């Protein structure tokens, strides 16, 4: 569903000052992932789930304090820089694993 964000191609290194930091990307991607999981748990048909996700997008990005367009631009940048994107996804997986451990220990 992340692809639903409609990321576009082609930002240059000169635009690096206008992209989200790796830490900001981790936070944004975590919110996207968690929102997708909440919507998936509803058991909606794919088209309804996509529509529901579109409704939540502004809330997701407001929660992490970034604009949808800044996220898209940053996602494109990091997709063009796979080593940096790998670091982001490693941190994302670590953060989600830690969250899961905390939830399991609180049960």
PDB file of N, CA and C in Angstrom:
ATOM      1  N   UNK A   1       0.808  -1.196   0.000  1.00  0.00           N
ATOM      2  CA  UNK A   1       0.000   0.000   0.000  1.00  0.00           C
ATOM      3  C   UNK A   1       0.855   1.266   0.000  1.00  0.00           C
ATOM      4  N   UNK A   2       2.090   1.134   0.441  1.00  0.00           N
ATOM      5  CA  UNK A   2       2.954   2.316   0.439  1.00  0.00           C
ATOM      6  C   UNK A   2       3.007   2.905  -0.960  1.00  0.00           C
ATOM      7  N   UNK A   3       2.911   2.045  -1.957  1.00  0.00           N
ATOM      8  CA  UNK A   3       2.929   2.534  -3.327  1.00  0.00           C
ATOM      9  C   UNK A   3       1.736   3.418  -3.624  1.00  0.00           C
ATOM     10  N   UNK A   4       0.683   3.292  -2.834  1.00  0.00           N
ATOM     11  CA  UNK A   4      -0.498   4.135  -3.014  1.00  0.00           C
ATOM     12  C   UNK A   4      -0.184   5.601  -2.753  1.00  0.00           C
ATOM     13  N   UNK A   5       0.905   5.843  -2.081  1.00  0.00           N
ATOM     14  CA  UNK A   5       1.266   7.222  -1.790  1.00  0.00           C
ATOM     15  C   UNK A   5       1.595   7.991  -3.060  1.00  0.00           C
ATOM     16  N   UNK A   6       1.730   7.268  -4.156  1.00  0.00           N
ATOM     17  CA  UNK A   6       1.931   7.935  -5.441  1.00  0.00           C
ATOM     18  C   UNK A   6       3.272   8.626  -5.556  1.00  0.00           C
ATOM     19  N   UNK A   7       4.316   7.934  -5.100  1.00  0.00           N
ATOM     20  CA  UNK A   7       5.631   8.550  -5.188  1.00  0.00           C
ATOM     21  C   UNK A   7       6.017   8.720  -6.646  1.00  0.00           C
ATOM     22  N   UNK A   8       6.677   9.828  -6.921  1.00  0.00           N
ATOM     23  CA  UNK A   8       7.130  10.098  -8.278  1.00  0.00           C
ATOM     24  C   UNK A   8       8.639   9.996  -8.334  1.00  0.00           C
ATOM     25  N   UNK A   9       9.209  10.026  -9.529  1.00  0.00           N
ATOM     26  CA  UNK A   9      10.635   9.820  -9.702  1.00  0.00           C
ATOM     27  C   UNK A   9      11.354  11.123  -9.987  1.00  0.00           C
ATOM     28  N   UNK A  10      12.689  11.094  -9.692  1.00  0.00           N
ATOM     29  CA  UNK A  10      13.571  12.087 -10.238  1.00  0.00           C
ATOM     30  C   UNK A  10      13.976  13.280  -9.416  1.00  0.00           C
ATOM     31  N   UNK A  11      14.339  13.155  -8.147  1.00  0.00           N
ATOM     32  CA  UNK A  11      14.902  14.274  -7.411  1.00  0.00           C
ATOM     33  C   UNK A  11      16.423  14.179  -7.455  1.00  0.00           C
ATOM     34  N   UNK A  12      17.086  15.311  -7.489  1.00  0.00           N
ATOM     35  CA  UNK A  12      18.543  15.332  -7.559  1.00  0.00           C
ATOM     36  C   UNK A  12      19.134  15.519  -6.174  1.00  0.00           C
ATOM     37  N   UNK A  13      20.444  15.274  -6.069  1.00  0.00           N
ATOM     38  CA  UNK A  13      21.145  15.460  -4.805  1.00  0.00           C
ATOM     39  C   UNK A  13      21.093  16.906  -4.348  1.00  0.00           C
ATOM     40  N   UNK A  14      20.935  17.824  -5.255  1.00  0.00           N
ATOM     41  CA  UNK A  14      20.859  19.242  -4.900  1.00  0.00           C
ATOM     42  C   UNK A  14      19.653  19.531  -4.022  1.00  0.00           C
ATOM     43  N   UNK A  15      18.651  18.676  -4.068  1.00  0.00           N
ATOM     44  CA  UNK A  15      17.441  18.871  -3.279  1.00  0.00           C
ATOM     45  C   UNK A  15      17.532  18.238  -1.888  1.00  0.00           C
ATOM     46  N   UNK A  16      18.698  17.700  -1.526  1.00  0.00           N
ATOM     47  CA  UNK A  16      18.821  16.987  -0.254  1.00  0.00           C
ATOM     48  C   UNK A  16      18.437  17.856   0.939  1.00  0.00           C
ATOM     49  N   UNK A  17      18.626  19.155   0.838  1.00  0.00           N
ATOM     50  CA  UNK A  17      18.257  20.048   1.930  1.00  0.00           C
ATOM     51  C   UNK A  17      16.750  20.082   2.149  1.00  0.00           C
ATOM     52  N   UNK A  18      15.984  19.695   1.164  1.00  0.00           N
ATOM     53  CA  UNK A  18      14.526  19.761   1.246  1.00  0.00           C
ATOM     54  C   UNK A  18      13.876  18.420   1.539  1.00  0.00           C
ATOM     55  N   UNK A  19      14.679  17.430   1.905  1.00  0.00           N
ATOM     56  CA  UNK A  19      14.101  16.116   2.183  1.00  0.00           C
ATOM     57  C   UNK A  19      14.116  15.845   3.683  1.00  0.00           C
ATOM     58  N   UNK A  20      13.310  14.886   4.088  1.00  0.00           N
ATOM     59  CA  UNK A  20      13.239  14.495   5.489  1.00  0.00           C
ATOM     60  C   UNK A  20      14.524  13.775   5.896  1.00  0.00           C
ATOM     61  N   UNK A  21      14.888  13.920   7.149  1.00  0.00           N
ATOM     62  CA  UNK A  21      16.028  13.177   7.663  1.00  0.00           C
ATOM     63  C   UNK A  21      15.663  11.703   7.724  1.00  0.00           C
ATOM     64  N   UNK A  22      16.673  10.872   7.900  1.00  0.00           N
ATOM     65  CA  UNK A  22      16.398   9.445   8.025  1.00  0.00           C
ATOM     66  C   UNK A  22      15.494   9.174   9.224  1.00  0.00           C
ATOM     67  N   UNK A  23      15.720   9.866  10.318  1.00  0.00           N
ATOM     68  CA  UNK A  23      14.893   9.699  11.508  1.00  0.00           C
ATOM     69  C   UNK A  23      13.433  10.078  11.229  1.00  0.00           C
ATOM     70  N   UNK A  24      13.225  11.172  10.526  1.00  0.00           N
ATOM     71  CA  UNK A  24      11.866  11.586  10.174  1.00  0.00           C
ATOM     72  C   UNK A  24      11.207  10.572   9.252  1.00  0.00           C
ATOM     73  N   UNK A  25      11.981  10.022   8.332  1.00  0.00           N
ATOM     74  CA  UNK A  25      11.426   9.007   7.422  1.00  0.00           C
ATOM     75  C   UNK A  25      11.024   7.761   8.191  1.00  0.00           C
ATOM     76  N   UNK A  26      11.831   7.361   9.167  1.00  0.00           N
ATOM     77  CA  UNK A  26      11.485   6.187   9.974  1.00  0.00           C
ATOM     78  C   UNK A  26      10.156   6.436  10.683  1.00  0.00           C
ATOM     79  N   UNK A  27      10.008   7.594  11.290  1.00  0.00           N
ATOM     80  CA  UNK A  27       8.764   7.918  12.001  1.00  0.00           C
ATOM     81  C   UNK A  27       7.568   7.929  11.045  1.00  0.00           C
ATOM     82  N   UNK A  28       7.749   8.538   9.878  1.00  0.00           N
ATOM     83  CA  UNK A  28       6.657   8.615   8.907  1.00  0.00           C
ATOM     84  C   UNK A  28       6.287   7.230   8.385  1.00  0.00           C
ATOM     85  N   UNK A  29       7.300   6.441   8.031  1.00  0.00           N
ATOM     86  CA  UNK A  29       7.030   5.097   7.524  1.00  0.00           C
ATOM     87  C   UNK A  29       6.392   4.216   8.596  1.00  0.00           C
ATOM     88  N   UNK A  30       6.780   4.417   9.846  1.00  0.00           N
ATOM     89  CA  UNK A  30       6.169   3.645  10.919  1.00  0.00           C
ATOM     90  C   UNK A  30       4.682   3.965  11.023  1.00  0.00           C
ATOM     91  N   UNK A  31       4.332   5.227  10.941  1.00  0.00           N
ATOM     92  CA  UNK A  31       2.919   5.612  11.001  1.00  0.00           C
ATOM     93  C   UNK A  31       2.149   5.076   9.804  1.00  0.00           C
ATOM     94  N   UNK A  32       2.773   5.104   8.627  1.00  0.00           N
ATOM     95  CA  UNK A  32       2.136   4.555   7.426  1.00  0.00           C
ATOM     96  C   UNK A  32       1.882   3.063   7.627  1.00  0.00           C
ATOM     97  N   UNK A  33       2.910   2.356   8.080  1.00  0.00           N
ATOM     98  CA  UNK A  33       2.785   0.911   8.282  1.00  0.00           C
ATOM     99  C   UNK A  33       1.707   0.586   9.315  1.00  0.00           C
ATOM    100  N   UNK A  34       1.743   1.274  10.450  1.00  0.00           N
ATOM    101  CA  UNK A  34       0.762   0.998  11.499  1.00  0.00           C
ATOM    102  C   UNK A  34      -0.665   1.301  11.029  1.00  0.00           C
ATOM    103  N   UNK A  35      -0.823   2.370  10.267  1.00  0.00           N
ATOM    104  CA  UNK A  35      -2.141   2.709   9.728  1.00  0.00           C
ATOM    105  C   UNK A  35      -2.621   1.652   8.744  1.00  0.00           C
ATOM    106  N   UNK A  36      -1.710   1.190   7.894  1.00  0.00           N
ATOM    107  CA  UNK A  36      -2.066   0.137   6.948  1.00  0.00           C
ATOM    108  C   UNK A  36      -2.518  -1.115   7.689  1.00  0.00           C
ATOM    109  N   UNK A  37      -1.817  -1.464   8.761  1.00  0.00           N
ATOM    110  CA  UNK A  37      -2.174  -2.658   9.522  1.00  0.00           C
ATOM    111  C   UNK A  37      -3.543  -2.510  10.183  1.00  0.00           C
ATOM    112  N   UNK A  38      -3.827  -1.337  10.703  1.00  0.00           N
ATOM    113  CA  UNK A  38      -5.141  -1.098  11.315  1.00  0.00           C
ATOM    114  C   UNK A  38      -6.249  -1.258  10.278  1.00  0.00           C
ATOM    115  N   UNK A  39      -6.015  -0.723   9.101  1.00  0.00           N
ATOM    116  CA  UNK A  39      -7.016  -0.807   8.035  1.00  0.00           C
ATOM    117  C   UNK A  39      -7.158  -2.250   7.546  1.00  0.00           C
ATOM    118  N   UNK A  40      -6.036  -2.955   7.425  1.00  0.00           N
ATOM    119  CA  UNK A  40      -6.092  -4.357   6.995  1.00  0.00           C
ATOM    120  C   UNK A  40      -6.885  -5.217   7.967  1.00  0.00           C
ATOM    121  N   UNK A  41      -6.798  -4.898   9.259  1.00  0.00           N
ATOM    122  CA  UNK A  41      -7.534  -5.668  10.265  1.00  0.00           C
ATOM    123  C   UNK A  41      -9.043  -5.507  10.130  1.00  0.00           C
ATOM    124  N   UNK A  42      -9.474  -4.463   9.434  1.00  0.00           N
ATOM    125  CA  UNK A  42     -10.908  -4.253   9.235  1.00  0.00           C
ATOM    126  C   UNK A  42     -11.510  -5.267   8.266  1.00  0.00           C
ATOM    127  N   UNK A  43     -10.656  -5.910   7.476  1.00  0.00           N
ATOM    128  CA  UNK A  43     -11.124  -6.922   6.538  1.00  0.00           C
ATOM    129  C   UNK A  43     -11.921  -6.370   5.369  1.00  0.00           C
ATOM    130  N   UNK A  44     -11.618  -5.149   4.989  1.00  0.00           N
ATOM    131  CA  UNK A  44     -12.327  -4.509   3.872  1.00  0.00           C
ATOM    132  C   UNK A  44     -11.820  -5.030   2.534  1.00  0.00           C
ATOM    133  N   UNK A  45     -12.663  -4.970   1.506  1.00  0.00           N
ATOM    134  CA  UNK A  45     -12.175  -5.270   0.156  1.00  0.00           C
ATOM    135  C   UNK A  45     -11.066  -4.270  -0.199  1.00  0.00           C
ATOM    136  N   UNK A  46     -10.213  -4.666  -1.112  1.00  0.00           N
ATOM    137  CA  UNK A  46      -9.031  -3.866  -1.451  1.00  0.00           C
ATOM    138  C   UNK A  46      -9.377  -2.421  -1.810  1.00  0.00           C
ATOM    139  N   UNK A  47     -10.387  -2.215  -2.654  1.00  0.00           N
ATOM    140  CA  UNK A  47     -10.717  -0.846  -3.063  1.00  0.00           C
ATOM    141  C   UNK A  47     -11.213  -0.009  -1.890  1.00  0.00           C
ATOM    142  N   UNK A  48     -11.968  -0.625  -0.997  1.00  0.00           N
ATOM    143  CA  UNK A  48     -12.442   0.091   0.194  1.00  0.00           C
ATOM    144  C   UNK A  48     -11.287   0.392   1.145  1.00  0.00           C
ATOM    145  N   UNK A  49     -10.364  -0.554   1.277  1.00  0.00           N
ATOM    146  CA  UNK A  49      -9.191  -0.342   2.129  1.00  0.00           C
ATOM    147  C   UNK A  49      -8.336   0.802   1.581  1.00  0.00           C
ATOM    148  N   UNK A  50      -8.170   0.852   0.270  1.00  0.00           N
ATOM    149  CA  UNK A  50      -7.397   1.935  -0.346  1.00  0.00           C
ATOM    150  C   UNK A  50      -8.069   3.287  -0.108  1.00  0.00           C
ATOM    151  N   UNK A  51      -9.373   3.322  -0.224  1.00  0.00           N
ATOM    152  CA  UNK A  51     -10.108   4.568   0.011  1.00  0.00           C
ATOM    153  C   UNK A  51      -9.974   4.998   1.470  1.00  0.00           C
ATOM    154  N   UNK A  52     -10.045   4.041   2.365  1.00  0.00           N
ATOM    155  CA  UNK A  52      -9.904   4.343   3.795  1.00  0.00           C
ATOM    156  C   UNK A  52      -8.500   4.874   4.096  1.00  0.00           C
ATOM    157  N   UNK A  53      -7.487   4.263   3.482  1.00  0.00           N
ATOM    158  CA  UNK A  53      -6.111   4.719   3.694  1.00  0.00           C
ATOM    159  C   UNK A  53      -5.939   6.156   3.197  1.00  0.00           C
ATOM    160  N   UNK A  54      -6.532   6.460   2.060  1.00  0.00           N
ATOM    161  CA  UNK A  54      -6.445   7.834   1.531  1.00  0.00           C
ATOM    162  C   UNK A  54      -7.046   8.840   2.511  1.00  0.00           C
ATOM    163  N   UNK A  55      -8.095   8.431   3.193  1.00  0.00           N
ATOM    164  CA  UNK A  55      -8.715   9.313   4.198  1.00  0.00           C
ATOM    165  C   UNK A  55      -7.769   9.573   5.361  1.00  0.00           C
ATOM    166  N   UNK A  56      -6.980   8.554   5.726  1.00  0.00           N
ATOM    167  CA  UNK A  56      -6.094   8.659   6.879  1.00  0.00           C
ATOM    168  C   UNK A  56      -4.759   9.342   6.560  1.00  0.00           C
ATOM    169  N   UNK A  57      -4.398   9.451   5.300  1.00  0.00           N
ATOM    170  CA  UNK A  57      -3.088  10.018   4.941  1.00  0.00           C
ATOM    171  C   UNK A  57      -2.816  11.369   5.589  1.00  0.00           C
ATOM    172  N   UNK A  58      -3.742  12.319   5.519  1.00  0.00           N
ATOM    173  CA  UNK A  58      -3.447  13.618   6.153  1.00  0.00           C
ATOM    174  C   UNK A  58      -3.190  13.494   7.657  1.00  0.00           C
ATOM    175  N   UNK A  59      -3.909  12.605   8.309  1.00  0.00           N
ATOM    176  CA  UNK A  59      -3.734  12.399   9.751  1.00  0.00           C
ATOM    177  C   UNK A  59      -2.359  11.806  10.035  1.00  0.00           C
ATOM    178  N   UNK A  60      -1.944  10.872   9.214  1.00  0.00           N
ATOM    179  CA  UNK A  60      -0.645  10.213   9.382  1.00  0.00           C
ATOM    180  C   UNK A  60       0.475  11.251   9.337  1.00  0.00           C
ATOM    181  N   UNK A  61       0.467  12.060   8.302  1.00  0.00           N
ATOM    182  CA  UNK A  61       1.555  13.011   8.119  1.00  0.00           C
ATOM    183  C   UNK A  61       1.474  14.169   9.111  1.00  0.00           C
ATOM    184  N   UNK A  62       0.271  14.530   9.519  1.00  0.00           N
ATOM    185  CA  UNK A  62       0.132  15.569  10.539  1.00  0.00           C
ATOM    186  C   UNK A  62       0.709  15.076  11.867  1.00  0.00           C
ATOM    187  N   UNK A  63       0.495  13.818  12.144  1.00  0.00           N
ATOM    188  CA  UNK A  63       0.978  13.227  13.397  1.00  0.00           C
ATOM    189  C   UNK A  63       2.494  13.292  13.507  1.00  0.00           C
ATOM    190  N   UNK A  64       3.192  13.099  12.390  1.00  0.00           N
ATOM    191  CA  UNK A  64       4.661  13.146  12.417  1.00  0.00           C
ATOM    192  C   UNK A  64       5.202  14.519  12.031  1.00  0.00           C
ATOM    193  N   UNK A  65       4.309  15.450  11.717  1.00  0.00           N
ATOM    194  CA  UNK A  65       4.725  16.821  11.450  1.00  0.00           C
ATOM    195  C   UNK A  65       5.396  17.046  10.113  1.00  0.00           C
ATOM    196  N   UNK A  66       4.967  16.290   9.094  1.00  0.00           N
ATOM    197  CA  UNK A  66       5.507  16.481   7.746  1.00  0.00           C
ATOM    198  C   UNK A  66       4.351  16.566   6.756  1.00  0.00           C
ATOM    199  N   UNK A  67       4.622  17.167   5.623  1.00  0.00           N
ATOM    200  CA  UNK A  67       3.587  17.228   4.592  1.00  0.00           C
ATOM    201  C   UNK A  67       3.661  15.986   3.714  1.00  0.00           C
ATOM    202  N   UNK A  68       2.547  15.681   3.087  1.00  0.00           N
ATOM    203  CA  UNK A  68       2.472  14.559   2.156  1.00  0.00           C
ATOM    204  C   UNK A  68       3.498  14.739   1.029  1.00  0.00           C
ATOM    205  N   UNK A  69       3.604  15.965   0.529  1.00  0.00           N
ATOM    206  CA  UNK A  69       4.535  16.215  -0.584  1.00  0.00           C
ATOM    207  C   UNK A  69       5.990  16.070  -0.141  1.00  0.00           C
ATOM    208  N   UNK A  70       6.316  16.488   1.094  1.00  0.00           N
ATOM    209  CA  UNK A  70       7.682  16.324   1.600  1.00  0.00           C
ATOM    210  C   UNK A  70       8.010  14.846   1.747  1.00  0.00           C
ATOM    211  N   UNK A  71       7.021  14.072   2.191  1.00  0.00           N
ATOM    212  CA  UNK A  71       7.238  12.639   2.315  1.00  0.00           C
ATOM    213  C   UNK A  71       7.488  12.007   0.950  1.00  0.00           C
ATOM    214  N   UNK A  72       6.655  12.355  -0.019  1.00  0.00           N
ATOM    215  CA  UNK A  72       6.816  11.798  -1.365  1.00  0.00           C
ATOM    216  C   UNK A  72       8.183  12.141  -1.942  1.00  0.00           C
ATOM    217  N   UNK A  73       8.565  13.393  -1.821  1.00  0.00           N
ATOM    218  CA  UNK A  73       9.856  13.837  -2.348  1.00  0.00           C
ATOM    219  C   UNK A  73      11.002  13.102  -1.652  1.00  0.00           C
ATOM    220  N   UNK A  74      10.887  12.954  -0.352  1.00  0.00           N
ATOM    221  CA  UNK A  74      11.918  12.266   0.416  1.00  0.00           C
ATOM    222  C   UNK A  74      11.966  10.782   0.069  1.00  0.00           C
ATOM    223  N   UNK A  75      10.787  10.177  -0.092  1.00  0.00           N
ATOM    224  CA  UNK A  75      10.741   8.762  -0.463  1.00  0.00           C
ATOM    225  C   UNK A  75      11.439   8.551  -1.802  1.00  0.00           C
ATOM    226  N   UNK A  76      11.173   9.416  -2.752  1.00  0.00           N
ATOM    227  CA  UNK A  76      11.831   9.330  -4.063  1.00  0.00           C
ATOM    228  C   UNK A  76      13.341   9.452  -3.929  1.00  0.00           C
ATOM    229  N   UNK A  77      13.761  10.418  -3.120  1.00  0.00           N
ATOM    230  CA  UNK A  77      15.198  10.630  -2.928  1.00  0.00           C
ATOM    231  C   UNK A  77      15.843   9.365  -2.370  1.00  0.00           C
ATOM    232  N   UNK A  78      15.258   8.816  -1.316  1.00  0.00           N
ATOM    233  CA  UNK A  78      15.853   7.643  -0.685  1.00  0.00           C
ATOM    234  C   UNK A  78      15.767   6.403  -1.570  1.00  0.00           C
ATOM    235  N   UNK A  79      14.752   6.311  -2.400  1.00  0.00           N
ATOM    236  CA  UNK A  79      14.687   5.194  -3.349  1.00  0.00           C
ATOM    237  C   UNK A  79      15.830   5.274  -4.360  1.00  0.00           C
ATOM    238  N   UNK A  80      16.260   6.480  -4.673  1.00  0.00           N
ATOM    239  CA  UNK A  80      17.401   6.666  -5.571  1.00  0.00           C
ATOM    240  C   UNK A  80      18.739   6.478  -4.855  1.00  0.00           C
ATOM    241  N   UNK A  81      18.701   6.328  -3.537  1.00  0.00           N
ATOM    242  CA  UNK A  81      19.901   6.145  -2.718  1.00  0.00           C
ATOM    243  C   UNK A  81      19.678   4.915  -1.827  1.00  0.00           C
ATOM    244  N   UNK A  82      19.827   3.726  -2.424  1.00  0.00           N
ATOM    245  CA  UNK A  82      19.449   2.490  -1.726  1.00  0.00           C
ATOM    246  C   UNK A  82      20.212   2.210  -0.430  1.00  0.00           C
ATOM    247  N   UNK A  83      21.437   2.651  -0.322  1.00  0.00           N
ATOM    248  CA  UNK A  83      22.184   2.419   0.919  1.00  0.00           C
ATOM    249  C   UNK A  83      21.527   3.183   2.065  1.00  0.00           C
ATOM    250  N   UNK A  84      21.132   4.419   1.795  1.00  0.00           N
ATOM    251  CA  UNK A  84      20.458   5.215   2.813  1.00  0.00           C
ATOM    252  C   UNK A  84      19.069   4.646   3.115  1.00  0.00           C
ATOM    253  N   UNK A  85      18.365   4.194   2.076  1.00  0.00           N
ATOM    254  CA  UNK A  85      17.029   3.612   2.273  1.00  0.00           C
ATOM    255  C   UNK A  85      17.131   2.328   3.094  1.00  0.00           C
ATOM    256  N   UNK A  86      18.180   1.563   2.874  1.00  0.00           N
ATOM    257  CA  UNK A  86      18.363   0.342   3.661  1.00  0.00           C
ATOM    258  C   UNK A  86      18.527   0.680   5.147  1.00  0.00           C
ATOM    259  N   UNK A  87      19.245   1.740   5.445  1.00  0.00           N
ATOM    260  CA  UNK A  87      19.414   2.176   6.837  1.00  0.00           C
ATOM    261  C   UNK A  87      18.063   2.563   7.444  1.00  0.00           C
ATOM    262  N   UNK A  88      17.245   3.238   6.651  1.00  0.00           N
ATOM    263  CA  UNK A  88      15.918   3.642   7.115  1.00  0.00           C
ATOM    264  C   UNK A  88      15.069   2.414   7.422  1.00  0.00           C
ATOM    265  N   UNK A  89      15.049   1.448   6.510  1.00  0.00           N
ATOM    266  CA  UNK A  89      14.236   0.255   6.726  1.00  0.00           C
ATOM    267  C   UNK A  89      14.776  -0.608   7.861  1.00  0.00           C
ATOM    268  N   UNK A  90      16.087  -0.633   8.052  1.00  0.00           N
ATOM    269  CA  UNK A  90      16.664  -1.351   9.190  1.00  0.00           C
ATOM    270  C   UNK A  90      16.189  -0.716  10.495  1.00  0.00           C
ATOM    271  N   UNK A  91      16.245   0.605  10.560  1.00  0.00           N
ATOM    272  CA  UNK A  91      15.776   1.315  11.757  1.00  0.00           C
ATOM    273  C   UNK A  91      14.275   1.114  11.948  1.00  0.00           C
ATOM    274  N   UNK A  92      13.513   1.093  10.866  1.00  0.00           N
ATOM    275  CA  UNK A  92      12.074   0.871  10.943  1.00  0.00           C
ATOM    276  C   UNK A  92      11.763  -0.508  11.521  1.00  0.00           C
ATOM    277  N   UNK A  93      12.434  -1.525  11.005  1.00  0.00           N
ATOM    278  CA  UNK A  93      12.218  -2.885  11.493  1.00  0.00           C
ATOM    279  C   UNK A  93      12.608  -2.983  12.967  1.00  0.00           C
ATOM    280  N   UNK A  94      13.736  -2.368  13.336  1.00  0.00           N
ATOM    281  CA  UNK A  94      14.157  -2.375  14.739  1.00  0.00           C
ATOM    282  C   UNK A  94      13.115  -1.695  15.630  1.00  0.00           C
ATOM    283  N   UNK A  95      12.597  -0.561  15.177  1.00  0.00           N
ATOM    284  CA  UNK A  95      11.589   0.175  15.958  1.00  0.00           C
ATOM    285  C   UNK A  95      10.314  -0.629  16.107  1.00  0.00           C
ATOM    286  N   UNK A  96       9.883  -1.263  15.033  1.00  0.00           N
ATOM    287  CA  UNK A  96       8.664  -2.080  15.093  1.00  0.00           C
ATOM    288  C   UNK A  96       8.870  -3.303  15.979  1.00  0.00           C
ATOM    289  N   UNK A  97      10.049  -3.898  15.920  1.00  0.00           N
ATOM    290  CA  UNK A  97      10.350  -5.052  16.772  1.00  0.00           C
ATOM    291  C   UNK A  97      10.340  -4.654  18.244  1.00  0.00           C
ATOM    292  N   UNK A  98      10.932  -3.511  18.554  1.00  0.00           N
ATOM    293  CA  UNK A  98      10.934  -3.011  19.919  1.00  0.00           C
ATOM    294  C   UNK A  98       9.510  -2.739  20.398  1.00  0.00           C
ATOM    295  N   UNK A  99       8.702  -2.155  19.541  1.00  0.00           N
ATOM    296  CA  UNK A  99       7.309  -1.893  19.880  1.00  0.00           C
ATOM    297  C   UNK A  99       6.580  -3.198  20.171  1.00  0.00           C
ATOM    298  N   UNK A 100       6.816  -4.195  19.351  1.00  0.00           N
ATOM    299  CA  UNK A 100       6.175  -5.496  19.545  1.00  0.00           C
ATOM    300  C   UNK A 100       6.623  -6.130  20.861  1.00  0.00           C
ATOM    301  N   UNK A 101       7.918  -6.036  21.177  1.00  0.00           N
ATOM    302  CA  UNK A 101       8.428  -6.586  22.435  1.00  0.00           C
ATOM    303  C   UNK A 101       7.778  -5.900  23.632  1.00  0.00           C
ATOM    304  N   UNK A 102       7.624  -4.588  23.554  1.00  0.00           N
ATOM    305  CA  UNK A 102       6.999  -3.848  24.646  1.00  0.00           C
ATOM    306  C   UNK A 102       5.545  -4.265  24.817  1.00  0.00           C
ATOM    307  N   UNK A 103       4.857  -4.466  23.705  1.00  0.00           N
ATOM    308  CA  UNK A 103       3.465  -4.911  23.786  1.00  0.00           C
ATOM    309  C   UNK A 103       3.366  -6.312  24.383  1.00  0.00           C
ATOM    310  N   UNK A 104       4.275  -7.196  23.979  1.00  0.00           N
ATOM    311  CA  UNK A 104       4.260  -8.563  24.504  1.00  0.00           C
ATOM    312  C   UNK A 104       4.569  -8.591  25.995  1.00  0.00           C
ATOM    313  N   UNK A 105       5.483  -7.741  26.442  1.00  0.00           N
ATOM    314  CA  UNK A 105       5.862  -7.745  27.855  1.00  0.00           C
ATOM    315  C   UNK A 105       4.801  -7.115  28.742  1.00  0.00           C
ATOM    316  N   UNK A 106       3.920  -6.316  28.156  1.00  0.00           N
ATOM    317  CA  UNK A 106       2.871  -5.676  28.951  1.00  0.00           C
ATOM    318  C   UNK A 106       1.636  -6.565  29.114  1.00  0.00           C
ATOM    319  N   UNK A 107       1.628  -7.689  28.444  1.00  0.00           N
ATOM    320  CA  UNK A 107       0.467  -8.597  28.518  1.00  0.00           C
ATOM    321  C   UNK A 107       0.510  -9.450  29.758  1.00  0.00           C
TER     322      UNK A 107
END
